[in-house]
Amino acid sequence: MTGDHLLARLMAQAEGRGADLVTLRALAEEASQAGASRALGLLGLDDPRARRDMDELRELLSAWRDAKRSARQAVVAWVTRLLCAALLIGLAVRLRLTDLVTG
């Protein structure tokens, strides 16, 4: 059972015992806000600079992904060039064009 279903069931049970649904919803909202604040505090993200820090981390992660993509493309380009060079050398040997190079 997920947390949403459990919360809905508990709220229905409390309402059946005479609690006001609006009060229960407000209580659940305040409890979730308190839990979220506590979780952010445990992660060290409860200060005013946290938003800026998260934005900087996102930018850093984006730059890392761009660098990985560029490096991967460069490696693929070099491997392709090496394979083409090996193919040309192989063709030259096969067609006995090496005599032109040696003299």
Protein backbone atom coordinates (compact mmCIF):
# COMPACT_ATOMS: atom_id res chain seq x y z
CA MET A 1 0.00 0.00 0.00
CA THR A 2 1.44 3.37 -0.99
CA GLY A 3 1.69 6.34 1.34
CA ASP A 4 -1.13 8.15 -0.49
CA HIS A 5 -3.51 5.24 -0.09
CA LEU A 6 -2.60 4.80 3.56
CA LEU A 7 -3.08 8.50 4.23
CA ALA A 8 -6.45 8.51 2.46
CA ARG A 9 -7.55 5.49 4.46
CA LEU A 10 -6.48 7.04 7.76
CA MET A 11 -8.24 10.28 6.88
CA ALA A 12 -11.43 8.42 6.01
CA GLN A 13 -11.20 6.50 9.27
CA ALA A 14 -10.70 9.71 11.27
CA GLU A 15 -13.56 11.40 9.44
CA GLY A 16 -15.79 8.46 10.28
CA ARG A 17 -15.01 9.04 13.93
CA GLY A 18 -16.09 12.68 13.78
CA ALA A 19 -13.04 14.64 12.61
CA ASP A 20 -13.62 17.34 9.98
CA LEU A 21 -12.27 16.46 6.52
CA VAL A 22 -10.90 19.99 5.97
CA THR A 23 -9.03 19.80 9.27
CA LEU A 24 -7.64 16.40 8.34
CA ARG A 25 -6.44 17.66 4.97
CA ALA A 26 -4.79 20.67 6.61
CA LEU A 27 -3.15 18.37 9.15
CA ALA A 28 -1.84 16.09 6.38
CA GLU A 29 -0.53 19.08 4.42
CA GLU A 30 1.25 20.51 7.45
CA ALA A 31 2.72 17.10 8.26
CA SER A 32 4.02 16.70 4.72
CA GLN A 33 5.53 20.21 4.79
CA ALA A 34 7.24 19.44 8.09
CA GLY A 35 8.55 16.14 6.71
CA ALA A 36 9.84 17.79 3.55
CA SER A 37 11.57 20.51 5.58
CA ARG A 38 13.15 17.89 7.83
CA ALA A 39 14.35 15.88 4.82
CA LEU A 40 15.85 18.98 3.20
CA GLY A 41 17.55 19.81 6.50
CA LEU A 42 19.07 16.34 6.68
CA LEU A 43 20.43 16.83 3.16
CA GLY A 44 21.81 20.25 4.05
CA LEU A 45 19.47 22.03 1.66
CA ASP A 46 17.52 24.13 4.13
CA ASP A 47 19.46 27.38 3.80
CA PRO A 48 18.71 30.32 1.47
CA ARG A 49 21.62 29.40 -0.83
CA ALA A 50 20.23 25.92 -1.52
CA ARG A 51 18.35 26.99 -4.64
CA ARG A 52 21.45 28.56 -6.14
CA ASP A 53 23.52 25.51 -5.17
CA MET A 54 21.06 23.18 -6.89
CA ASP A 55 21.09 25.36 -10.01
CA GLU A 56 24.89 25.25 -10.07
CA LEU A 57 24.86 21.48 -9.63
CA ARG A 58 22.46 21.14 -12.54
CA GLU A 59 24.72 23.30 -14.71
CA LEU A 60 27.75 21.24 -13.67
CA LEU A 61 25.95 18.01 -14.48
CA SER A 62 24.90 19.38 -17.85
CA ALA A 63 28.49 20.41 -18.62
CA TRP A 64 29.71 16.95 -17.59
CA ARG A 65 27.21 15.31 -19.93
CA ASP A 66 28.27 17.62 -22.78
CA ALA A 67 31.94 16.79 -22.15
CA LYS A 68 31.21 13.06 -22.16
CA ARG A 69 29.30 13.38 -25.41
CA SER A 70 32.11 15.38 -27.04
CA ALA A 71 34.75 12.91 -25.86
CA ARG A 72 32.70 9.99 -27.17
CA GLN A 73 32.31 11.70 -30.55
CA ALA A 74 36.05 12.41 -30.72
CA VAL A 75 36.90 8.78 -29.94
CA VAL A 76 34.49 7.54 -32.59
CA ALA A 77 35.97 9.95 -35.14
CA TRP A 78 39.54 8.82 -34.39
CA VAL A 79 38.63 5.14 -34.52
CA THR A 80 36.90 5.72 -37.85
CA ARG A 81 39.97 7.50 -39.23
CA LEU A 82 42.27 4.71 -38.03
CA LEU A 83 40.05 2.06 -39.61
CA CYS A 84 39.98 3.96 -42.90
CA ALA A 85 43.77 4.34 -42.82
CA ALA A 86 44.19 0.62 -42.11
CA LEU A 87 41.84 -0.18 -44.99
CA LEU A 88 43.83 2.02 -47.38
CA ILE A 89 47.10 0.46 -46.25
CA GLY A 90 45.59 -2.98 -46.70
CA LEU A 91 44.43 -2.10 -50.21
CA ALA A 92 47.88 -0.73 -51.07
CA VAL A 93 49.54 -3.94 -49.89
CA ARG A 94 46.98 -6.09 -51.66
CA LEU A 95 47.45 -4.19 -54.94
CA ARG A 96 51.23 -4.26 -54.48
CA LEU A 97 51.52 -0.50 -54.45
CA THR A 98 54.21 -0.65 -51.76
CA ASP A 99 56.90 -0.60 -54.47
CA LEU A 100 55.98 3.01 -55.18
CA VAL A 101 56.87 3.97 -51.64
CA THR A 102 60.16 2.09 -51.35
CA GLY A 103 61.61 3.28 -54.50
